[in-house]
Amino acid sequence: MSALTVANQLTLLRMLLIPALVILVLYGNNGWALVVFIVAGVTDGLDGMLARWWGQRTSLGALLDPMADKLLVLSTFVVLSLPELDLPNQFPVWLTVLVISRDVIIVVTAAIVHFSLGHRTFTPTLLGKATTFVHILGATVALFLNWRGHTSVVFELAIYATLAITLASGLHYILHATRTLGDSG
């Protein structure tokens, strides 16, 4: 089976949509940015579903899919926190730094476990998946409200939900890695 399955092509499409999304937000085309973000989200749902249905799970897909998710979320958070854009709904810079830091900590922790114990598979947890969902939901709310040109308490709630779940999942991941390292010693 070729590594470039339909599912993997959809994942690559999602990655290619990221620069378009950023450029659209930078130039104030918030409606089109929302459309691109939704299309990217649809490809995220479709790629996994097609890989399972058609029995086309690949190691390339296992690598690219979470990478595409992270790049989409992080790029969206960064562009939606740029103060000079003066958007009606912007993520606070501190929240974007926290979201990025969580992902950096996860990568560094996984590298430490890998180099200490050899290859280990970290399967996505329910909390990790919930974190991705909340990040995407928060970005969708921000993009939608920016397109409409007004603010809402819903966006404020999204900020605090993002803060809470980002901290919880980051701590959960660190505790899991610490247990893994402790169990091997």
N, C-alpha and C. Protein backbone atom coordinates (compact mmCIF):
# COMPACT_ATOMS: atom_id res chain seq x y z
N MET A 1 0.85 -1.18 0.00
CA MET A 1 0.00 0.00 0.00
C MET A 1 0.89 1.24 0.00
N SER A 2 0.52 2.19 -0.82
CA SER A 2 1.25 3.44 -0.91
C SER A 2 1.05 4.25 0.37
N ALA A 3 2.09 4.97 0.77
CA ALA A 3 1.97 5.82 1.96
C ALA A 3 1.09 7.05 1.68
N LEU A 4 0.93 7.38 0.40
CA LEU A 4 0.15 8.57 0.05
C LEU A 4 -1.30 8.18 -0.23
N THR A 5 -1.94 7.67 0.81
CA THR A 5 -3.35 7.27 0.73
C THR A 5 -4.23 8.51 0.64
N VAL A 6 -5.51 8.30 0.36
CA VAL A 6 -6.46 9.42 0.32
C VAL A 6 -6.48 10.12 1.68
N ALA A 7 -6.45 9.35 2.75
CA ALA A 7 -6.46 9.93 4.10
C ALA A 7 -5.23 10.82 4.31
N ASN A 8 -4.08 10.34 3.89
CA ASN A 8 -2.85 11.14 4.05
C ASN A 8 -2.87 12.36 3.15
N GLN A 9 -3.49 12.26 1.99
CA GLN A 9 -3.62 13.42 1.11
C GLN A 9 -4.50 14.49 1.75
N LEU A 10 -5.56 14.05 2.44
CA LEU A 10 -6.41 15.00 3.16
C LEU A 10 -5.64 15.68 4.28
N THR A 11 -4.79 14.92 4.97
CA THR A 11 -3.96 15.50 6.03
C THR A 11 -3.01 16.54 5.45
N LEU A 12 -2.40 16.21 4.31
CA LEU A 12 -1.50 17.17 3.66
C LEU A 12 -2.27 18.41 3.21
N LEU A 13 -3.49 18.23 2.73
CA LEU A 13 -4.32 19.37 2.36
C LEU A 13 -4.55 20.27 3.57
N ARG A 14 -4.83 19.66 4.72
CA ARG A 14 -5.02 20.44 5.95
C ARG A 14 -3.78 21.27 6.25
N MET A 15 -2.62 20.68 6.06
CA MET A 15 -1.37 21.42 6.31
C MET A 15 -1.20 22.56 5.31
N LEU A 16 -1.62 22.34 4.07
CA LEU A 16 -1.51 23.39 3.06
C LEU A 16 -2.50 24.52 3.27
N LEU A 17 -3.58 24.25 3.97
CA LEU A 17 -4.58 25.29 4.26
C LEU A 17 -4.11 26.25 5.35
N ILE A 18 -3.13 25.85 6.14
CA ILE A 18 -2.68 26.68 7.27
C ILE A 18 -2.16 28.04 6.80
N PRO A 19 -1.24 28.10 5.81
CA PRO A 19 -0.79 29.44 5.38
C PRO A 19 -1.94 30.29 4.84
N ALA A 20 -2.88 29.66 4.14
CA ALA A 20 -4.03 30.42 3.62
C ALA A 20 -4.83 31.03 4.78
N LEU A 21 -5.06 30.23 5.81
CA LEU A 21 -5.79 30.72 6.98
C LEU A 21 -5.09 31.92 7.61
N VAL A 22 -3.80 31.78 7.83
CA VAL A 22 -3.03 32.86 8.46
C VAL A 22 -3.07 34.13 7.61
N ILE A 23 -2.86 33.97 6.32
CA ILE A 23 -2.87 35.14 5.42
C ILE A 23 -4.25 35.80 5.41
N LEU A 24 -5.30 35.00 5.38
CA LEU A 24 -6.65 35.57 5.39
C LEU A 24 -6.92 36.37 6.66
N VAL A 25 -6.49 35.86 7.81
CA VAL A 25 -6.68 36.61 9.06
C VAL A 25 -5.84 37.89 9.03
N LEU A 26 -4.60 37.77 8.59
CA LEU A 26 -3.71 38.94 8.55
C LEU A 26 -4.28 40.08 7.70
N TYR A 27 -4.98 39.71 6.63
CA TYR A 27 -5.53 40.72 5.73
C TYR A 27 -7.00 41.04 5.99
N GLY A 28 -7.51 40.57 7.14
CA GLY A 28 -8.85 40.94 7.56
C GLY A 28 -9.98 40.23 6.85
N ASN A 29 -9.69 39.14 6.16
CA ASN A 29 -10.73 38.36 5.49
C ASN A 29 -11.24 37.28 6.43
N ASN A 30 -11.90 37.72 7.50
CA ASN A 30 -12.28 36.81 8.58
C ASN A 30 -13.32 35.76 8.18
N GLY A 31 -14.22 36.10 7.29
CA GLY A 31 -15.20 35.13 6.82
C GLY A 31 -14.53 33.99 6.06
N TRP A 32 -13.62 34.34 5.16
CA TRP A 32 -12.90 33.30 4.41
C TRP A 32 -11.97 32.51 5.32
N ALA A 33 -11.39 33.18 6.31
CA ALA A 33 -10.54 32.47 7.28
C ALA A 33 -11.37 31.41 8.01
N LEU A 34 -12.58 31.77 8.38
CA LEU A 34 -13.47 30.81 9.05
C LEU A 34 -13.79 29.63 8.12
N VAL A 35 -14.06 29.92 6.86
CA VAL A 35 -14.35 28.86 5.89
C VAL A 35 -13.16 27.92 5.76
N VAL A 36 -11.96 28.47 5.64
CA VAL A 36 -10.75 27.65 5.51
C VAL A 36 -10.55 26.80 6.76
N PHE A 37 -10.79 27.39 7.93
CA PHE A 37 -10.64 26.65 9.18
C PHE A 37 -11.64 25.50 9.26
N ILE A 38 -12.85 25.74 8.83
CA ILE A 38 -13.88 24.68 8.83
C ILE A 38 -13.50 23.58 7.86
N VAL A 39 -13.03 23.95 6.67
CA VAL A 39 -12.60 22.93 5.69
C VAL A 39 -11.47 22.11 6.28
N ALA A 40 -10.52 22.78 6.94
CA ALA A 40 -9.42 22.05 7.58
C ALA A 40 -9.96 21.09 8.63
N GLY A 41 -10.95 21.53 9.40
CA GLY A 41 -11.55 20.66 10.41
C GLY A 41 -12.25 19.46 9.80
N VAL A 42 -12.92 19.68 8.67
CA VAL A 42 -13.59 18.58 7.99
C VAL A 42 -12.56 17.56 7.49
N THR A 43 -11.43 18.04 6.96
CA THR A 43 -10.40 17.09 6.51
C THR A 43 -9.85 16.29 7.68
N ASP A 44 -9.82 16.91 8.87
CA ASP A 44 -9.34 16.20 10.05
C ASP A 44 -10.27 15.04 10.40
N GLY A 45 -11.56 15.29 10.33
CA GLY A 45 -12.52 14.22 10.61
C GLY A 45 -12.50 13.15 9.53
N LEU A 46 -12.40 13.58 8.28
CA LEU A 46 -12.45 12.63 7.16
C LEU A 46 -11.22 11.74 7.07
N ASP A 47 -10.03 12.31 7.32
CA ASP A 47 -8.83 11.50 7.12
C ASP A 47 -8.79 10.28 8.03
N GLY A 48 -9.14 10.47 9.29
CA GLY A 48 -9.14 9.33 10.20
C GLY A 48 -10.23 8.32 9.88
N MET A 49 -11.40 8.85 9.52
CA MET A 49 -12.52 7.97 9.18
C MET A 49 -12.20 7.13 7.95
N LEU A 50 -11.66 7.75 6.92
CA LEU A 50 -11.32 7.02 5.70
C LEU A 50 -10.21 6.00 5.94
N ALA A 51 -9.22 6.38 6.73
CA ALA A 51 -8.12 5.44 7.02
C ALA A 51 -8.65 4.19 7.71
N ARG A 52 -9.60 4.38 8.63
CA ARG A 52 -10.18 3.23 9.33
C ARG A 52 -11.08 2.42 8.41
N TRP A 53 -11.97 3.09 7.70
CA TRP A 53 -12.93 2.40 6.83
C TRP A 53 -12.24 1.61 5.74
N TRP A 54 -11.23 2.19 5.14
CA TRP A 54 -10.58 1.56 4.00
C TRP A 54 -9.35 0.75 4.39
N GLY A 55 -9.10 0.64 5.69
CA GLY A 55 -7.94 -0.12 6.15
C GLY A 55 -6.63 0.44 5.64
N GLN A 56 -6.53 1.77 5.63
CA GLN A 56 -5.35 2.43 5.09
C GLN A 56 -4.57 3.21 6.15
N ARG A 57 -4.52 2.67 7.33
CA ARG A 57 -3.71 3.31 8.36
C ARG A 57 -2.24 3.12 8.00
N THR A 58 -1.50 4.22 8.07
CA THR A 58 -0.07 4.15 7.73
C THR A 58 0.74 4.82 8.83
N SER A 59 2.02 4.49 8.89
CA SER A 59 2.89 5.16 9.86
C SER A 59 3.06 6.63 9.49
N LEU A 60 3.01 6.93 8.20
CA LEU A 60 3.08 8.33 7.77
C LEU A 60 1.86 9.10 8.29
N GLY A 61 0.68 8.50 8.16
CA GLY A 61 -0.53 9.14 8.67
C GLY A 61 -0.50 9.32 10.17
N ALA A 62 0.04 8.31 10.88
CA ALA A 62 0.14 8.40 12.34
C ALA A 62 1.05 9.55 12.76
N LEU A 63 2.00 9.90 11.93
CA LEU A 63 2.91 11.02 12.20
C LEU A 63 2.30 12.34 11.74
N LEU A 64 1.76 12.35 10.51
CA LEU A 64 1.28 13.60 9.93
C LEU A 64 0.00 14.14 10.58
N ASP A 65 -0.93 13.26 10.93
CA ASP A 65 -2.22 13.73 11.44
C ASP A 65 -2.09 14.57 12.70
N PRO A 66 -1.41 14.08 13.75
CA PRO A 66 -1.28 14.95 14.93
C PRO A 66 -0.43 16.19 14.66
N MET A 67 0.55 16.04 13.74
CA MET A 67 1.38 17.20 13.39
C MET A 67 0.52 18.27 12.71
N ALA A 68 -0.35 17.85 11.80
CA ALA A 68 -1.24 18.80 11.12
C ALA A 68 -2.18 19.47 12.11
N ASP A 69 -2.71 18.68 13.06
CA ASP A 69 -3.58 19.25 14.09
C ASP A 69 -2.85 20.32 14.89
N LYS A 70 -1.65 19.99 15.34
CA LYS A 70 -0.88 20.94 16.15
C LYS A 70 -0.54 22.19 15.36
N LEU A 71 -0.11 22.02 14.13
CA LEU A 71 0.25 23.19 13.31
C LEU A 71 -0.96 24.08 13.07
N LEU A 72 -2.10 23.47 12.82
CA LEU A 72 -3.32 24.25 12.60
C LEU A 72 -3.70 25.03 13.85
N VAL A 73 -3.74 24.35 14.98
CA VAL A 73 -4.13 25.00 16.23
C VAL A 73 -3.12 26.09 16.61
N LEU A 74 -1.84 25.75 16.59
CA LEU A 74 -0.83 26.72 17.01
C LEU A 74 -0.79 27.93 16.09
N SER A 75 -0.87 27.71 14.79
CA SER A 75 -0.86 28.84 13.84
C SER A 75 -2.07 29.73 14.06
N THR A 76 -3.22 29.12 14.29
CA THR A 76 -4.44 29.89 14.51
C THR A 76 -4.34 30.70 15.80
N PHE A 77 -3.86 30.06 16.87
CA PHE A 77 -3.71 30.79 18.13
C PHE A 77 -2.73 31.95 17.99
N VAL A 78 -1.62 31.71 17.31
CA VAL A 78 -0.62 32.78 17.16
C VAL A 78 -1.22 33.96 16.39
N VAL A 79 -1.84 33.71 15.25
CA VAL A 79 -2.35 34.81 14.44
C VAL A 79 -3.52 35.51 15.16
N LEU A 80 -4.29 34.76 15.94
CA LEU A 80 -5.41 35.37 16.66
C LEU A 80 -4.98 36.04 17.97
N SER A 81 -3.68 36.06 18.24
CA SER A 81 -3.21 36.77 19.44
C SER A 81 -2.31 37.96 19.08
N LEU A 82 -2.17 38.25 17.80
CA LEU A 82 -1.34 39.38 17.40
C LEU A 82 -2.04 40.70 17.72
N PRO A 83 -1.49 41.46 18.66
CA PRO A 83 -2.17 42.70 19.10
C PRO A 83 -2.36 43.71 17.97
N GLU A 84 -1.43 43.76 17.04
CA GLU A 84 -1.52 44.77 15.98
C GLU A 84 -2.67 44.53 15.01
N LEU A 85 -3.29 43.36 15.04
CA LEU A 85 -4.43 43.09 14.16
C LEU A 85 -5.70 43.75 14.68
N ASP A 86 -5.75 44.04 15.96
CA ASP A 86 -6.91 44.71 16.57
C ASP A 86 -8.23 44.02 16.21
N LEU A 87 -8.24 42.70 16.39
CA LEU A 87 -9.45 41.92 16.14
C LEU A 87 -10.41 42.07 17.32
N PRO A 88 -11.71 41.94 17.07
CA PRO A 88 -12.67 42.02 18.18
C PRO A 88 -12.43 40.95 19.25
N ASN A 89 -11.98 39.78 18.81
CA ASN A 89 -11.74 38.66 19.72
C ASN A 89 -10.34 38.13 19.47
N GLN A 90 -9.46 38.41 20.42
CA GLN A 90 -8.08 37.96 20.31
C GLN A 90 -7.75 37.10 21.51
N PHE A 91 -6.99 36.05 21.24
CA PHE A 91 -6.49 35.27 22.37
C PHE A 91 -5.44 36.09 23.08
N PRO A 92 -5.44 36.05 24.41
CA PRO A 92 -4.37 36.74 25.13
C PRO A 92 -3.03 36.08 24.78
N VAL A 93 -2.00 36.89 24.68
CA VAL A 93 -0.68 36.35 24.33
C VAL A 93 -0.27 35.29 25.35
N TRP A 94 -0.56 35.52 26.63
CA TRP A 94 -0.17 34.55 27.65
C TRP A 94 -0.81 33.18 27.41
N LEU A 95 -2.05 33.17 26.89
CA LEU A 95 -2.71 31.90 26.62
C LEU A 95 -2.05 31.18 25.44
N THR A 96 -1.71 31.93 24.42
CA THR A 96 -1.01 31.34 23.27
C THR A 96 0.33 30.79 23.70
N VAL A 97 1.05 31.52 24.54
CA VAL A 97 2.34 31.03 25.06
C VAL A 97 2.13 29.74 25.85
N LEU A 98 1.08 29.68 26.64
CA LEU A 98 0.78 28.49 27.42
C LEU A 98 0.47 27.29 26.52
N VAL A 99 -0.35 27.50 25.49
CA VAL A 99 -0.70 26.42 24.56
C VAL A 99 0.55 25.91 23.84
N ILE A 100 1.39 26.82 23.38
CA ILE A 100 2.64 26.41 22.71
C ILE A 100 3.55 25.70 23.70
N SER A 101 3.68 26.25 24.90
CA SER A 101 4.57 25.65 25.91
C SER A 101 4.14 24.24 26.26
N ARG A 102 2.84 24.01 26.36
CA ARG A 102 2.35 22.65 26.65
C ARG A 102 2.83 21.68 25.59
N ASP A 103 2.71 22.06 24.33
CA ASP A 103 3.14 21.17 23.25
C ASP A 103 4.65 20.97 23.25
N VAL A 104 5.40 22.01 23.55
CA VAL A 104 6.86 21.88 23.62
C VAL A 104 7.24 20.95 24.77
N ILE A 105 6.58 21.11 25.92
CA ILE A 105 6.85 20.24 27.07
C ILE A 105 6.54 18.79 26.74
N ILE A 106 5.44 18.56 26.03
CA ILE A 106 5.09 17.19 25.64
C ILE A 106 6.16 16.60 24.73
N VAL A 107 6.62 17.36 23.75
CA VAL A 107 7.65 16.86 22.83
C VAL A 107 8.96 16.59 23.58
N VAL A 108 9.36 17.50 24.45
CA VAL A 108 10.61 17.31 25.20
C VAL A 108 10.48 16.12 26.14
N THR A 109 9.35 15.98 26.80
CA THR A 109 9.14 14.84 27.71
C THR A 109 9.17 13.53 26.94
N ALA A 110 8.52 13.49 25.78
CA ALA A 110 8.53 12.28 24.96
C ALA A 110 9.95 11.95 24.51
N ALA A 111 10.73 12.97 24.18
CA ALA A 111 12.12 12.75 23.78
C ALA A 111 12.94 12.20 24.94
N ILE A 112 12.72 12.71 26.13
CA ILE A 112 13.43 12.21 27.31
C ILE A 112 13.09 10.75 27.55
N VAL A 113 11.81 10.42 27.48
CA VAL A 113 11.40 9.02 27.66
C VAL A 113 12.00 8.15 26.57
N HIS A 114 11.96 8.63 25.34
CA HIS A 114 12.51 7.86 24.21
C HIS A 114 14.01 7.59 24.39
N PHE A 115 14.75 8.62 24.74
CA PHE A 115 16.21 8.44 24.86
C PHE A 115 16.59 7.70 26.14
N SER A 116 15.74 7.74 27.14
CA SER A 116 16.02 7.03 28.39
C SER A 116 15.63 5.55 28.31
N LEU A 117 14.52 5.26 27.65
CA LEU A 117 13.96 3.91 27.69
C LEU A 117 13.86 3.25 26.32
N GLY A 118 14.19 3.95 25.29
CA GLY A 118 13.98 3.41 23.95
C GLY A 118 12.60 3.81 23.47
N HIS A 119 12.23 3.30 22.33
CA HIS A 119 10.96 3.69 21.70
C HIS A 119 9.77 3.34 22.60
N ARG A 120 8.93 4.31 22.84
CA ARG A 120 7.69 4.11 23.57
C ARG A 120 6.57 4.76 22.76
N THR A 121 5.45 4.14 22.73
CA THR A 121 4.29 4.71 22.05
C THR A 121 3.41 5.40 23.08
N PHE A 122 3.14 6.66 22.83
CA PHE A 122 2.23 7.41 23.68
C PHE A 122 0.92 7.54 22.91
N THR A 123 -0.02 6.69 23.25
CA THR A 123 -1.31 6.78 22.58
C THR A 123 -2.07 7.99 23.10
N PRO A 124 -2.82 8.63 22.23
CA PRO A 124 -3.57 9.82 22.66
C PRO A 124 -4.55 9.46 23.78
N THR A 125 -4.61 10.30 24.78
CA THR A 125 -5.53 10.08 25.89
C THR A 125 -6.84 10.84 25.61
N LEU A 126 -7.85 10.49 26.34
CA LEU A 126 -9.12 11.19 26.22
C LEU A 126 -8.95 12.68 26.56
N LEU A 127 -8.13 12.95 27.58
CA LEU A 127 -7.88 14.34 27.97
C LEU A 127 -7.13 15.09 26.86
N GLY A 128 -6.18 14.41 26.23
CA GLY A 128 -5.45 15.04 25.12
C GLY A 128 -6.37 15.34 23.95
N LYS A 129 -7.26 14.41 23.64
CA LYS A 129 -8.22 14.63 22.56
C LYS A 129 -9.20 15.75 22.93
N ALA A 130 -9.60 15.79 24.18
CA ALA A 130 -10.50 16.85 24.64
C ALA A 130 -9.81 18.21 24.54
N THR A 131 -8.51 18.24 24.82
CA THR A 131 -7.75 19.48 24.72
C THR A 131 -7.75 19.98 23.28
N THR A 132 -7.47 19.09 22.35
CA THR A 132 -7.48 19.48 20.94
C THR A 132 -8.87 19.99 20.55
N PHE A 133 -9.92 19.31 21.01
CA PHE A 133 -11.28 19.73 20.71
C PHE A 133 -11.55 21.13 21.26
N VAL A 134 -11.17 21.39 22.50
CA VAL A 134 -11.42 22.71 23.11
C VAL A 134 -10.61 23.78 22.39
N HIS A 135 -9.38 23.48 22.02
CA HIS A 135 -8.57 24.45 21.28
C HIS A 135 -9.24 24.79 19.95
N ILE A 136 -9.70 23.77 19.24
CA ILE A 136 -10.34 24.00 17.94
C ILE A 136 -11.67 24.74 18.12
N LEU A 137 -12.43 24.37 19.15
CA LEU A 137 -13.69 25.06 19.42
C LEU A 137 -13.45 26.54 19.74
N GLY A 138 -12.44 26.81 20.57
CA GLY A 138 -12.12 28.20 20.90
C GLY A 138 -11.70 29.00 19.68
N ALA A 139 -10.89 28.38 18.83
CA ALA A 139 -10.47 29.07 17.60
C ALA A 139 -11.67 29.31 16.68
N THR A 140 -12.56 28.33 16.61
CA THR A 140 -13.76 28.49 15.77
C THR A 140 -14.63 29.63 16.28
N VAL A 141 -14.82 29.69 17.59
CA VAL A 141 -15.61 30.77 18.19
C VAL A 141 -14.98 32.12 17.87
N ALA A 142 -13.66 32.22 18.05
CA ALA A 142 -12.97 33.49 17.77
C ALA A 142 -13.12 33.88 16.30
N LEU A 143 -12.90 32.93 15.41
CA LEU A 143 -13.00 33.22 13.97
C LEU A 143 -14.43 33.63 13.60
N PHE A 144 -15.41 32.92 14.14
CA PHE A 144 -16.81 33.24 13.84
C PHE A 144 -17.16 34.64 14.33
N LEU A 145 -16.83 34.92 15.58
CA LEU A 145 -17.17 36.23 16.14
C LEU A 145 -16.40 37.36 15.45
N ASN A 146 -15.17 37.10 15.04
CA ASN A 146 -14.42 38.11 14.30
C ASN A 146 -15.07 38.37 12.94
N TRP A 147 -15.55 37.31 12.32
CA TRP A 147 -16.26 37.47 11.04
C TRP A 147 -17.51 38.32 11.24
N ARG A 148 -18.23 38.06 12.33
CA ARG A 148 -19.46 38.81 12.62
C ARG A 148 -19.14 40.22 13.13
N GLY A 149 -17.90 40.43 13.60
CA GLY A 149 -17.49 41.77 14.03
C GLY A 149 -17.94 42.17 15.42
N HIS A 150 -18.23 41.20 16.28
CA HIS A 150 -18.60 41.57 17.65
C HIS A 150 -18.01 40.60 18.66
N THR A 151 -18.08 40.99 19.91
CA THR A 151 -17.55 40.17 20.99
C THR A 151 -18.69 39.43 21.68
N SER A 152 -18.30 38.46 22.51
CA SER A 152 -19.31 37.69 23.23
C SER A 152 -18.67 37.07 24.47
N VAL A 153 -19.49 36.86 25.47
CA VAL A 153 -19.04 36.16 26.67
C VAL A 153 -18.63 34.73 26.33
N VAL A 154 -19.16 34.19 25.24
CA VAL A 154 -18.80 32.83 24.82
C VAL A 154 -17.30 32.75 24.54
N PHE A 155 -16.73 33.80 23.95
CA PHE A 155 -15.29 33.79 23.70
C PHE A 155 -14.51 33.85 25.01
N GLU A 156 -15.00 34.64 25.97
CA GLU A 156 -14.34 34.69 27.28
C GLU A 156 -14.36 33.31 27.94
N LEU A 157 -15.48 32.62 27.84
CA LEU A 157 -15.58 31.26 28.38
C LEU A 157 -14.61 30.32 27.66
N ALA A 158 -14.47 30.50 26.36
CA ALA A 158 -13.54 29.67 25.59
C ALA A 158 -12.10 29.88 26.06
N ILE A 159 -11.76 31.10 26.41
CA ILE A 159 -10.41 31.39 26.91
C ILE A 159 -10.17 30.62 28.21
N TYR A 160 -11.11 30.69 29.13
CA TYR A 160 -10.92 30.01 30.42
C TYR A 160 -10.99 28.50 30.30
N ALA A 161 -11.82 28.00 29.41
CA ALA A 161 -11.87 26.55 29.16
C ALA A 161 -10.54 26.08 28.56
N THR A 162 -9.99 26.89 27.65
CA THR A 162 -8.70 26.56 27.05
C THR A 162 -7.60 26.55 28.11
N LEU A 163 -7.60 27.55 28.97
CA LEU A 163 -6.62 27.61 30.05
C LEU A 163 -6.71 26.36 30.93
N ALA A 164 -7.91 26.03 31.37
CA ALA A 164 -8.08 24.91 32.30
C ALA A 164 -7.67 23.58 31.67
N ILE A 165 -8.13 23.31 30.47
CA ILE A 165 -7.84 22.01 29.88
C ILE A 165 -6.39 21.90 29.42
N THR A 166 -5.80 23.02 29.03
CA THR A 166 -4.38 23.00 28.63
C THR A 166 -3.51 22.67 29.84
N LEU A 167 -3.79 23.30 30.97
CA LEU A 167 -3.03 23.00 32.19
C LEU A 167 -3.25 21.56 32.64
N ALA A 168 -4.50 21.12 32.65
CA ALA A 168 -4.81 19.76 33.09
C ALA A 168 -4.15 18.71 32.22
N SER A 169 -4.24 18.86 30.91
CA SER A 169 -3.67 17.85 30.02
C SER A 169 -2.15 17.89 30.04
N GLY A 170 -1.57 19.07 30.18
CA GLY A 170 -0.11 19.16 30.28
C GLY A 170 0.40 18.46 31.52
N LEU A 171 -0.24 18.70 32.65
CA LEU A 171 0.15 18.04 33.89
C LEU A 171 -0.08 16.53 33.81
N HIS A 172 -1.18 16.13 33.22
CA HIS A 172 -1.47 14.70 33.06
C HIS A 172 -0.39 14.01 32.24
N TYR A 173 0.02 14.65 31.16
CA TYR A 173 1.05 14.07 30.30
C TYR A 173 2.39 13.95 31.05
N ILE A 174 2.74 14.99 31.79
CA ILE A 174 4.00 14.95 32.55
C ILE A 174 3.95 13.85 33.61
N LEU A 175 2.82 13.72 34.31
CA LEU A 175 2.68 12.65 35.32
C LEU A 175 2.78 11.27 34.68
N HIS A 176 2.16 11.11 33.52
CA HIS A 176 2.23 9.83 32.81
C HIS A 176 3.67 9.50 32.42
N ALA A 177 4.39 10.48 31.90
CA ALA A 177 5.78 10.26 31.52
C ALA A 177 6.66 9.98 32.74
N THR A 178 6.39 10.67 33.85
CA THR A 178 7.15 10.45 35.07
C THR A 178 6.92 9.03 35.59
N ARG A 179 5.67 8.58 35.56
CA ARG A 179 5.38 7.19 35.96
C ARG A 179 6.08 6.19 35.03
N THR A 180 6.08 6.47 33.75
CA THR A 180 6.74 5.58 32.79
C THR A 180 8.23 5.49 33.09
N LEU A 181 8.85 6.63 33.37
CA LEU A 181 10.27 6.63 33.71
C LEU A 181 10.52 5.94 35.04
N GLY A 182 9.63 6.17 36.04
CA GLY A 182 9.77 5.54 37.35
C GLY A 182 9.58 4.05 37.31
N ASP A 183 8.64 3.57 36.51
CA ASP A 183 8.37 2.14 36.40
C ASP A 183 9.53 1.38 35.75
N SER A 184 10.32 2.08 34.96
CA SER A 184 11.42 1.40 34.26
C SER A 184 12.67 1.33 35.11
N GLY A 185 12.73 2.15 36.17
CA GLY A 185 13.95 2.26 36.98
C GLY A 185 14.01 1.23 37.99
